[in-house]
C-alpha atoms as a PDB file:
ATOM      1  CA  MET A   1     -10.789  57.267-160.296  1.00  0.00           C
ATOM      2  CA  VAL A   2      -9.825  55.365-157.183  1.00  0.00           C
ATOM      3  CA  ARG A   3     -11.496  55.933-153.843  1.00  0.00           C
ATOM      4  CA  VAL A   4     -10.268  54.359-150.610  1.00  0.00           C
ATOM      5  CA  ILE A   5     -12.496  53.906-147.582  1.00  0.00           C
ATOM      6  CA  MET A   6     -10.261  53.230-144.610  1.00  0.00           C
ATOM      7  CA  GLY A   7     -10.874  52.756-140.916  1.00  0.00           C
ATOM      8  CA  VAL A   8     -10.503  50.323-138.059  1.00  0.00           C
ATOM      9  CA  LYS A   9     -12.947  47.474-137.608  1.00  0.00           C
ATOM     10  CA  GLY A  10     -16.421  48.665-136.625  1.00  0.00           C
ATOM     11  CA  THR A  11     -16.250  52.132-138.198  1.00  0.00           C
ATOM     12  CA  GLY A  12     -18.931  51.447-140.833  1.00  0.00           C
ATOM     13  CA  LYS A  13     -16.801  50.768-143.908  1.00  0.00           C
ATOM     14  CA  THR A  14     -18.871  47.805-145.047  1.00  0.00           C
ATOM     15  CA  LYS A  15     -22.153  49.640-144.532  1.00  0.00           C
ATOM     16  CA  GLN A  16     -20.855  52.571-146.557  1.00  0.00           C
ATOM     17  CA  MET A  17     -19.603  50.180-149.247  1.00  0.00           C
ATOM     18  CA  ILE A  18     -23.003  48.435-149.476  1.00  0.00           C
ATOM     19  CA  GLU A  19     -24.746  51.797-149.946  1.00  0.00           C
ATOM     20  CA  LEU A  20     -22.289  52.799-152.679  1.00  0.00           C
ATOM     21  CA  ILE A  21     -22.629  49.440-154.450  1.00  0.00           C
ATOM     22  CA  ASN A  22     -26.410  49.537-154.413  1.00  0.00           C
ATOM     23  CA  SER A  23     -26.541  53.122-155.647  1.00  0.00           C
ATOM     24  CA  ALA A  24     -24.079  52.261-158.447  1.00  0.00           C
ATOM     25  CA  VAL A  25     -26.691  49.874-159.904  1.00  0.00           C
ATOM     26  CA  HIS A  26     -28.863  52.877-160.707  1.00  0.00           C
ATOM     27  CA  SER A  27     -26.203  55.441-161.581  1.00  0.00           C
ATOM     28  CA  GLU A  28     -23.713  53.417-163.678  1.00  0.00           C
ATOM     29  CA  ASN A  29     -24.324  52.796-167.372  1.00  0.00           C
ATOM     30  CA  GLY A  30     -22.295  49.588-167.446  1.00  0.00           C
ATOM     31  CA  ASN A  31     -21.605  46.539-165.311  1.00  0.00           C
ATOM     32  CA  VAL A  32     -20.656  46.782-161.647  1.00  0.00           C
ATOM     33  CA  VAL A  33     -18.389  44.206-159.999  1.00  0.00           C
ATOM     34  CA  CYS A  34     -17.685  43.593-156.323  1.00  0.00           C
ATOM     35  CA  ILE A  35     -14.726  41.511-155.160  1.00  0.00           C
ATOM     36  CA  GLU A  36     -14.974  40.313-151.567  1.00  0.00           C
ATOM     37  CA  ARG A  37     -13.747  37.558-149.316  1.00  0.00           C
ATOM     38  CA  GLY A  38     -16.134  35.411-147.332  1.00  0.00           C
ATOM     39  CA  GLY A  39     -19.504  35.965-148.965  1.00  0.00           C
ATOM     40  CA  LYS A  40     -20.767  38.419-146.340  1.00  0.00           C
ATOM     41  CA  LEU A  41     -22.270  40.790-148.920  1.00  0.00           C
ATOM     42  CA  THR A  42     -24.315  38.156-150.753  1.00  0.00           C
ATOM     43  CA  TYR A  43     -27.689  39.216-149.349  1.00  0.00           C
ATOM     44  CA  ASP A  44     -26.951  42.918-148.906  1.00  0.00           C
ATOM     45  CA  ILE A  45     -26.217  43.985-152.456  1.00  0.00           C
ATOM     46  CA  HIS A  46     -28.440  44.179-155.520  1.00  0.00           C
ATOM     47  CA  SER A  47     -28.663  41.021-157.628  1.00  0.00           C
ATOM     48  CA  LYS A  48     -27.430  42.870-160.737  1.00  0.00           C
ATOM     49  CA  ILE A  49     -24.000  43.299-159.149  1.00  0.00           C
ATOM     50  CA  ARG A  50     -21.434  40.698-160.224  1.00  0.00           C
ATOM     51  CA  LEU A  51     -20.213  39.418-156.844  1.00  0.00           C
ATOM     52  CA  ILE A  52     -16.867  37.620-156.877  1.00  0.00           C
ATOM     53  CA  GLU A  53     -15.849  35.614-153.829  1.00  0.00           C
ATOM     54  CA  ALA A  54     -12.048  35.997-153.912  1.00  0.00           C
ATOM     55  CA  SER A  55     -11.130  32.941-151.840  1.00  0.00           C
ATOM     56  CA  GLN A  56     -12.263  30.747-154.747  1.00  0.00           C
ATOM     57  CA  TYR A  57      -9.325  32.112-156.761  1.00  0.00           C
ATOM     58  CA  ASP A  58      -6.519  31.758-154.178  1.00  0.00           C
ATOM     59  CA  MET A  59      -5.367  35.366-154.523  1.00  0.00           C
ATOM     60  CA  THR A  60      -1.998  35.389-152.811  1.00  0.00           C
ATOM     61  CA  ASP A  61      -0.584  38.812-153.630  1.00  0.00           C
ATOM     62  CA  LEU A  62      -1.207  42.136-155.302  1.00  0.00           C
ATOM     63  CA  THR A  63       0.387  40.994-158.562  1.00  0.00           C
ATOM     64  CA  PHE A  64      -2.295  38.310-158.785  1.00  0.00           C
ATOM     65  CA  MET A  65      -4.947  40.960-158.096  1.00  0.00           C
ATOM     66  CA  LYS A  66      -3.598  43.112-160.947  1.00  0.00           C
ATOM     67  CA  GLY A  67      -3.858  40.164-163.323  1.00  0.00           C
ATOM     68  CA  PHE A  68      -7.310  39.297-162.030  1.00  0.00           C
ATOM     69  CA  ILE A  69      -8.620  42.823-162.592  1.00  0.00           C
ATOM     70  CA  SER A  70      -6.999  42.980-166.022  1.00  0.00           C
ATOM     71  CA  GLY A  71      -8.625  39.664-166.909  1.00  0.00           C
ATOM     72  CA  LEU A  72     -12.024  40.826-165.680  1.00  0.00           C
ATOM     73  CA  TYR A  73     -11.831  43.849-167.916  1.00  0.00           C
ATOM     74  CA  ALA A  74     -10.465  41.882-170.893  1.00  0.00           C
ATOM     75  CA  GLY A  75     -13.499  39.608-170.616  1.00  0.00           C
ATOM     76  CA  ASN A  76     -16.014  42.437-170.218  1.00  0.00           C
ATOM     77  CA  TYR A  77     -15.319  45.927-171.546  1.00  0.00           C
ATOM     78  CA  ASP A  78     -18.675  47.071-170.170  1.00  0.00           C
ATOM     79  CA  ILE A  79     -17.412  47.167-166.561  1.00  0.00           C
ATOM     80  CA  THR A  80     -17.706  50.719-165.231  1.00  0.00           C
ATOM     81  CA  HIS A  81     -17.100  50.257-161.487  1.00  0.00           C
ATOM     82  CA  VAL A  82     -15.212  47.697-159.399  1.00  0.00           C
ATOM     83  CA  PHE A  83     -15.573  47.541-155.631  1.00  0.00           C
ATOM     84  CA  ILE A  84     -12.901  45.710-153.631  1.00  0.00           C
ATOM     85  CA  ASP A  85     -13.892  44.968-150.043  1.00  0.00           C
ATOM     86  CA  SER A  86     -10.987  44.523-147.578  1.00  0.00           C
ATOM     87  CA  LEU A  87      -8.122  44.506-150.069  1.00  0.00           C
ATOM     88  CA  PRO A  88      -5.403  43.495-147.554  1.00  0.00           C
ATOM     89  CA  LYS A  89      -7.448  40.519-146.347  1.00  0.00           C
ATOM     90  CA  ILE A  90      -8.093  39.305-149.879  1.00  0.00           C
ATOM     91  CA  VAL A  91      -4.428  39.248-150.884  1.00  0.00           C
ATOM     92  CA  GLY A  92      -2.815  38.728-147.475  1.00  0.00           C
ATOM     93  CA  VAL A  93      -0.749  41.897-147.112  1.00  0.00           C
ATOM     94  CA  ASP A  94      -0.383  44.372-144.273  1.00  0.00           C
ATOM     95  CA  ALA A  95      -2.547  47.441-144.816  1.00  0.00           C
ATOM     96  CA  ASN A  96       0.405  49.760-144.241  1.00  0.00           C
ATOM     97  CA  ASP A  97       2.769  47.903-146.587  1.00  0.00           C
ATOM     98  CA  HIS A  98       4.278  50.068-149.331  1.00  0.00           C
ATOM     99  CA  SER A  99       2.997  47.574-151.923  1.00  0.00           C
ATOM    100  CA  VAL A 100      -0.579  48.704-151.169  1.00  0.00           C
ATOM    101  CA  GLU A 101       0.354  52.257-152.202  1.00  0.00           C
ATOM    102  CA  GLU A 102       1.963  50.933-155.392  1.00  0.00           C
ATOM    103  CA  PHE A 103      -1.129  48.861-156.139  1.00  0.00           C
ATOM    104  CA  LEU A 104      -3.430  51.861-155.670  1.00  0.00           C
ATOM    105  CA  ASP A 105      -1.265  53.870-158.086  1.00  0.00           C
ATOM    106  CA  TRP A 106      -1.450  51.017-160.617  1.00  0.00           C
ATOM    107  CA  LEU A 107      -5.215  50.859-160.089  1.00  0.00           C
ATOM    108  CA  ASN A 108      -5.500  54.600-160.689  1.00  0.00           C
ATOM    109  CA  ASN A 109      -3.552  54.330-163.959  1.00  0.00           C
ATOM    110  CA  PHE A 110      -5.709  51.369-165.031  1.00  0.00           C
ATOM    111  CA  SER A 111      -8.784  53.393-164.121  1.00  0.00           C
ATOM    112  CA  GLU A 112      -7.751  56.364-166.247  1.00  0.00           C
ATOM    113  CA  LYS A 113      -6.821  54.228-169.273  1.00  0.00           C
ATOM    114  CA  ASN A 114     -10.033  52.219-169.215  1.00  0.00           C
ATOM    115  CA  SER A 115     -12.596  54.625-167.703  1.00  0.00           C
ATOM    116  CA  ILE A 116     -13.374  52.381-164.734  1.00  0.00           C
ATOM    117  CA  LYS A 117     -14.037  53.590-161.194  1.00  0.00           C
ATOM    118  CA  PHE A 118     -12.596  51.660-158.261  1.00  0.00           C
ATOM    119  CA  THR A 119     -13.678  51.795-154.636  1.00  0.00           C
ATOM    120  CA  VAL A 120     -11.483  49.931-152.149  1.00  0.00           C
ATOM    121  CA  THR A 121     -11.925  49.345-148.431  1.00  0.00           C
ATOM    122  CA  ILE A 122      -8.952  48.862-146.122  1.00  0.00           C
ATOM    123  CA  SER A 123      -9.358  47.840-142.512  1.00  0.00           C
ATOM    124  CA  ALA A 124      -6.700  49.844-140.663  1.00  0.00           C
ATOM    125  CA  ASP A 125      -6.288  53.085-138.749  1.00  0.00           C
ATOM    126  CA  LYS A 126      -6.512  55.864-141.326  1.00  0.00           C
ATOM    127  CA  GLU A 127      -4.261  58.039-139.162  1.00  0.00           C
ATOM    128  CA  LEU A 128      -1.410  55.598-139.875  1.00  0.00           C
ATOM    129  CA  ALA A 129      -1.947  55.617-143.650  1.00  0.00           C
ATOM    130  CA  GLY A 130       0.892  56.866-145.806  1.00  0.00           C
ATOM    131  CA  GLU A 131       0.526  59.757-148.242  1.00  0.00           C
ATOM    132  CA  GLY A 132       0.310  57.256-151.104  1.00  0.00           C
ATOM    133  CA  VAL A 133      -2.941  55.924-149.647  1.00  0.00           C
ATOM    134  CA  ARG A 134      -4.281  59.216-148.253  1.00  0.00           C
ATOM    135  CA  LYS A 135      -4.412  60.807-151.706  1.00  0.00           C
ATOM    136  CA  TYR A 136      -7.239  58.395-152.560  1.00  0.00           C
ATOM    137  CA  PHE A 137      -9.465  59.261-149.556  1.00  0.00           C
END
């Protein structure tokens, strides 16, 4: 399952993400991971959440992100939920680029094969989102 939270800056995406992350600690039976850029969630999320600061890994594109997620799972089969905060900012792509839709489809397939939930935030106008992104709202 992939869920996308999308909206322009200031619409409460991060607040909603923090609430979902903190509730996942109590509702998930496995490990919960959050990938972010900038360390802004450090003090807002539960200490049991594995927080990954993406800029330490020089993620330059969505192919790198696919490998990173695959590696995370290969190293820990107990992961049940991965949160990705501000996907386009982490990998440096435009939110409306077709590659984001392709990545979300890949993520959905990965999710189904491995029984992992993914929640992704994208900072952009949701009215401009393509159908490939909208299906994950």
